[in-house]
N, C-alpha and C. Protein backbone atom coordinates (compact mmCIF):
# COMPACT_ATOMS: atom_id res chain seq x y z
N MET A 1 13.79 -6.77 7.28
CA MET A 1 13.86 -5.57 8.09
C MET A 1 15.01 -5.74 9.09
N ALA A 2 15.93 -4.79 9.10
CA ALA A 2 17.08 -4.84 10.00
C ALA A 2 16.67 -4.40 11.39
N ASP A 3 17.23 -5.05 12.38
CA ASP A 3 16.97 -4.67 13.77
C ASP A 3 17.91 -3.56 14.18
N THR A 4 17.44 -2.72 15.09
CA THR A 4 18.24 -1.66 15.66
C THR A 4 18.32 -1.88 17.16
N GLN A 5 19.49 -1.75 17.70
CA GLN A 5 19.66 -1.94 19.14
C GLN A 5 19.60 -0.59 19.83
N ILE A 6 18.89 -0.55 20.96
CA ILE A 6 18.86 0.66 21.78
C ILE A 6 19.39 0.31 23.17
N SER A 7 19.79 1.32 23.88
CA SER A 7 20.28 1.13 25.24
C SER A 7 19.47 2.03 26.16
N ALA A 8 19.10 1.49 27.29
CA ALA A 8 18.31 2.27 28.25
C ALA A 8 18.70 1.86 29.67
N HIS A 9 18.69 2.81 30.56
CA HIS A 9 18.93 2.52 31.97
C HIS A 9 17.58 2.24 32.62
N ILE A 10 17.46 1.10 33.29
CA ILE A 10 16.23 0.75 34.00
C ILE A 10 16.60 0.32 35.41
N SER A 11 15.61 0.35 36.29
CA SER A 11 15.86 -0.03 37.68
C SER A 11 16.12 -1.53 37.77
N GLU A 12 16.76 -1.92 38.84
CA GLU A 12 17.01 -3.34 39.09
C GLU A 12 15.69 -4.09 39.22
N ALA A 13 14.70 -3.46 39.84
CA ALA A 13 13.39 -4.10 40.02
C ALA A 13 12.73 -4.36 38.66
N THR A 14 12.80 -3.39 37.75
CA THR A 14 12.22 -3.57 36.42
C THR A 14 12.96 -4.66 35.66
N LYS A 15 14.28 -4.65 35.76
CA LYS A 15 15.08 -5.69 35.10
C LYS A 15 14.67 -7.08 35.60
N ASN A 16 14.49 -7.21 36.91
CA ASN A 16 14.09 -8.50 37.48
C ASN A 16 12.71 -8.92 36.96
N GLN A 17 11.78 -7.97 36.86
CA GLN A 17 10.45 -8.30 36.35
C GLN A 17 10.51 -8.76 34.90
N VAL A 18 11.30 -8.07 34.09
CA VAL A 18 11.45 -8.45 32.69
C VAL A 18 12.03 -9.86 32.58
N GLU A 19 13.06 -10.13 33.34
CA GLU A 19 13.69 -11.45 33.28
C GLU A 19 12.75 -12.55 33.76
N ARG A 20 12.02 -12.29 34.85
CA ARG A 20 11.07 -13.30 35.35
C ARG A 20 9.98 -13.58 34.32
N TYR A 21 9.44 -12.52 33.72
CA TYR A 21 8.38 -12.71 32.72
C TYR A 21 8.91 -13.47 31.51
N ALA A 22 10.06 -13.05 31.01
CA ALA A 22 10.64 -13.70 29.83
C ALA A 22 10.90 -15.18 30.09
N ASP A 23 11.45 -15.48 31.26
CA ASP A 23 11.72 -16.88 31.60
C ASP A 23 10.43 -17.68 31.73
N ALA A 24 9.45 -17.11 32.40
CA ALA A 24 8.20 -17.83 32.66
C ALA A 24 7.38 -18.07 31.39
N HIS A 25 7.50 -17.17 30.42
CA HIS A 25 6.68 -17.28 29.22
C HIS A 25 7.46 -17.69 27.98
N GLY A 26 8.73 -17.94 28.15
CA GLY A 26 9.54 -18.42 27.03
C GLY A 26 9.70 -17.42 25.90
N VAL A 27 9.75 -16.15 26.25
CA VAL A 27 9.96 -15.12 25.23
C VAL A 27 11.33 -14.49 25.44
N LYS A 28 11.88 -13.96 24.38
CA LYS A 28 13.15 -13.27 24.50
C LYS A 28 12.90 -11.88 25.06
N LYS A 29 13.85 -11.39 25.84
CA LYS A 29 13.70 -10.07 26.47
C LYS A 29 13.54 -8.97 25.43
N GLY A 30 14.27 -9.04 24.35
CA GLY A 30 14.16 -8.03 23.30
C GLY A 30 12.76 -7.97 22.71
N ALA A 31 12.17 -9.16 22.47
CA ALA A 31 10.81 -9.22 21.92
C ALA A 31 9.80 -8.66 22.92
N LEU A 32 10.00 -8.98 24.19
CA LEU A 32 9.11 -8.47 25.23
C LEU A 32 9.17 -6.94 25.30
N VAL A 33 10.37 -6.40 25.28
CA VAL A 33 10.54 -4.94 25.36
C VAL A 33 9.93 -4.28 24.13
N GLU A 34 10.14 -4.86 22.95
CA GLU A 34 9.57 -4.25 21.74
C GLU A 34 8.05 -4.28 21.79
N GLN A 35 7.46 -5.40 22.20
CA GLN A 35 6.00 -5.47 22.29
C GLN A 35 5.48 -4.46 23.32
N ALA A 36 6.16 -4.33 24.44
CA ALA A 36 5.73 -3.37 25.46
C ALA A 36 5.79 -1.94 24.94
N LEU A 37 6.86 -1.61 24.22
CA LEU A 37 6.99 -0.27 23.66
C LEU A 37 5.91 -0.01 22.61
N LEU A 38 5.67 -0.97 21.74
CA LEU A 38 4.64 -0.80 20.73
C LEU A 38 3.26 -0.62 21.37
N HIS A 39 2.98 -1.41 22.39
CA HIS A 39 1.71 -1.31 23.10
C HIS A 39 1.56 0.07 23.74
N HIS A 40 2.60 0.53 24.40
CA HIS A 40 2.56 1.83 25.07
C HIS A 40 2.41 2.97 24.06
N LEU A 41 3.16 2.91 22.99
CA LEU A 41 3.07 3.96 21.97
C LEU A 41 1.69 3.99 21.31
N GLN A 42 1.11 2.82 21.10
CA GLN A 42 -0.25 2.77 20.54
C GLN A 42 -1.24 3.40 21.51
N ALA A 43 -1.10 3.09 22.80
CA ALA A 43 -2.00 3.69 23.80
C ALA A 43 -1.85 5.20 23.82
N LEU A 44 -0.63 5.70 23.74
CA LEU A 44 -0.41 7.15 23.72
C LEU A 44 -1.06 7.80 22.50
N ARG A 45 -1.07 7.10 21.37
CA ARG A 45 -1.69 7.65 20.16
C ARG A 45 -3.21 7.61 20.23
N GLU A 46 -3.76 6.55 20.78
CA GLU A 46 -5.19 6.30 20.65
C GLU A 46 -6.04 6.72 21.85
N LEU A 47 -5.44 6.86 23.01
CA LEU A 47 -6.21 7.19 24.21
C LEU A 47 -6.05 8.66 24.57
N PRO A 48 -7.07 9.25 25.17
CA PRO A 48 -6.92 10.63 25.64
C PRO A 48 -5.82 10.72 26.69
N ALA A 49 -5.04 11.77 26.62
CA ALA A 49 -3.87 11.92 27.49
C ALA A 49 -4.25 11.89 28.98
N ASP A 50 -5.46 12.36 29.32
CA ASP A 50 -5.82 12.44 30.73
C ASP A 50 -6.18 11.09 31.35
N ILE A 51 -6.26 10.03 30.55
CA ILE A 51 -6.54 8.73 31.15
C ILE A 51 -5.30 7.83 31.21
N ILE A 52 -4.19 8.31 30.70
CA ILE A 52 -2.94 7.55 30.79
C ILE A 52 -2.37 7.78 32.19
N ILE A 53 -2.25 6.71 32.94
CA ILE A 53 -1.74 6.80 34.30
C ILE A 53 -0.28 6.35 34.30
N PRO A 54 0.62 7.24 34.71
CA PRO A 54 2.03 6.84 34.71
C PRO A 54 2.28 5.74 35.75
N PRO A 55 3.22 4.84 35.46
CA PRO A 55 3.49 3.74 36.40
C PRO A 55 4.15 4.20 37.69
N ARG A 56 4.72 5.39 37.67
CA ARG A 56 5.34 5.96 38.88
C ARG A 56 4.85 7.39 39.03
N LEU A 57 4.51 7.74 40.25
CA LEU A 57 4.10 9.11 40.54
C LEU A 57 5.11 9.73 41.49
N GLU A 58 5.48 10.95 41.22
CA GLU A 58 6.38 11.67 42.11
C GLU A 58 5.59 12.77 42.80
N LEU A 59 5.66 12.77 44.12
CA LEU A 59 4.91 13.74 44.92
C LEU A 59 5.86 14.66 45.65
N SER A 60 5.41 15.89 45.81
CA SER A 60 6.16 16.80 46.68
C SER A 60 5.89 16.36 48.13
N GLU A 61 6.67 16.89 49.05
CA GLU A 61 6.44 16.54 50.46
C GLU A 61 5.05 16.95 50.90
N ALA A 62 4.58 18.11 50.44
CA ALA A 62 3.25 18.59 50.81
C ALA A 62 2.16 17.68 50.24
N SER A 63 2.32 17.27 48.98
CA SER A 63 1.35 16.37 48.36
C SER A 63 1.33 15.02 49.06
N PHE A 64 2.51 14.51 49.40
CA PHE A 64 2.59 13.23 50.09
C PHE A 64 1.90 13.32 51.45
N ALA A 65 2.11 14.42 52.16
CA ALA A 65 1.46 14.61 53.46
C ALA A 65 -0.06 14.61 53.30
N GLU A 66 -0.55 15.21 52.22
CA GLU A 66 -1.99 15.23 51.96
C GLU A 66 -2.52 13.83 51.68
N VAL A 67 -1.78 13.04 50.92
CA VAL A 67 -2.17 11.65 50.64
C VAL A 67 -2.22 10.86 51.95
N VAL A 68 -1.23 11.03 52.79
CA VAL A 68 -1.20 10.33 54.08
C VAL A 68 -2.43 10.71 54.90
N LYS A 69 -2.74 12.00 54.92
CA LYS A 69 -3.90 12.48 55.69
C LYS A 69 -5.20 11.87 55.15
N LEU A 70 -5.34 11.86 53.84
CA LEU A 70 -6.57 11.33 53.24
C LEU A 70 -6.72 9.82 53.46
N THR A 71 -5.62 9.09 53.43
CA THR A 71 -5.72 7.64 53.62
C THR A 71 -5.85 7.27 55.08
N ALA A 72 -5.40 8.13 55.98
CA ALA A 72 -5.53 7.85 57.41
C ALA A 72 -6.99 7.96 57.86
N LYS A 73 -7.74 8.84 57.22
CA LYS A 73 -9.15 9.02 57.58
C LYS A 73 -9.97 9.12 56.29
N PRO A 74 -10.24 7.95 55.67
CA PRO A 74 -10.95 7.97 54.40
C PRO A 74 -12.40 8.46 54.56
N ARG A 75 -12.91 9.06 53.49
CA ARG A 75 -14.30 9.51 53.50
C ARG A 75 -15.23 8.31 53.46
N LYS A 76 -16.46 8.50 53.95
CA LYS A 76 -17.47 7.45 53.88
C LYS A 76 -17.89 7.28 52.42
N ALA A 77 -18.05 6.05 52.00
CA ALA A 77 -18.46 5.76 50.63
C ALA A 77 -19.88 6.28 50.40
N SER A 78 -20.13 6.77 49.19
CA SER A 78 -21.47 7.25 48.84
C SER A 78 -22.43 6.07 48.76
N LYS A 79 -23.73 6.37 48.76
CA LYS A 79 -24.74 5.31 48.65
C LYS A 79 -24.55 4.56 47.33
N ALA A 80 -24.28 5.28 46.26
CA ALA A 80 -24.08 4.63 44.96
C ALA A 80 -22.90 3.66 45.03
N MET A 81 -21.81 4.06 45.69
CA MET A 81 -20.64 3.18 45.80
C MET A 81 -20.97 1.97 46.68
N ARG A 82 -21.68 2.18 47.78
CA ARG A 82 -22.06 1.05 48.65
C ARG A 82 -22.96 0.07 47.89
N ASP A 83 -23.92 0.61 47.11
CA ASP A 83 -24.80 -0.25 46.32
C ASP A 83 -24.00 -1.03 45.28
N LEU A 84 -23.06 -0.36 44.62
CA LEU A 84 -22.22 -1.03 43.63
C LEU A 84 -21.44 -2.17 44.26
N MET A 85 -20.83 -1.92 45.40
CA MET A 85 -20.02 -2.96 46.06
C MET A 85 -20.90 -4.10 46.59
N ALA A 86 -22.17 -3.79 46.88
CA ALA A 86 -23.10 -4.82 47.35
C ALA A 86 -23.72 -5.60 46.20
N GLY A 87 -23.44 -5.18 44.96
CA GLY A 87 -23.98 -5.87 43.80
C GLY A 87 -25.40 -5.48 43.46
N LYS A 88 -25.87 -4.38 44.03
CA LYS A 88 -27.23 -3.92 43.73
C LYS A 88 -27.24 -3.20 42.38
N PRO A 89 -28.32 -3.37 41.63
CA PRO A 89 -28.38 -2.65 40.35
C PRO A 89 -28.47 -1.16 40.57
N GLY A 90 -27.81 -0.42 39.70
CA GLY A 90 -27.80 1.03 39.84
C GLY A 90 -28.80 1.69 38.92
N GLU A 91 -28.80 3.00 38.96
CA GLU A 91 -29.64 3.79 38.07
C GLU A 91 -29.14 3.65 36.65
N PRO A 92 -30.03 3.62 35.68
CA PRO A 92 -29.55 3.57 34.29
C PRO A 92 -28.78 4.85 33.96
N SER A 93 -27.72 4.69 33.20
CA SER A 93 -26.93 5.86 32.84
C SER A 93 -27.35 6.38 31.48
N ASP A 94 -26.86 7.56 31.16
CA ASP A 94 -27.14 8.16 29.86
C ASP A 94 -26.22 7.59 28.78
N ARG A 95 -25.23 6.81 29.19
CA ARG A 95 -24.27 6.26 28.23
C ARG A 95 -24.84 5.04 27.53
N PRO A 96 -24.41 4.84 26.30
CA PRO A 96 -24.88 3.64 25.55
C PRO A 96 -24.29 2.37 26.11
């Protein structure tokens, strides 16, 4: 099988992460990129679109202001969430 070369513009930060990972794990950058692309494409095929979380989110100024407001004064955790974080057993769910 013949290899095909592609070219892509990536951020300096992403380039640094790729290089650090490749060096640390003894893999070639091309193999790492191909495995990452295959993994991502498989996830796009097999998972529902609404659970794929993009690695970068772009917010409008209004949306960003809303996020700031929500994180500045977070809501109180529900009893179920407090129990979960405390390690208490929860109610049985309807899921298998």
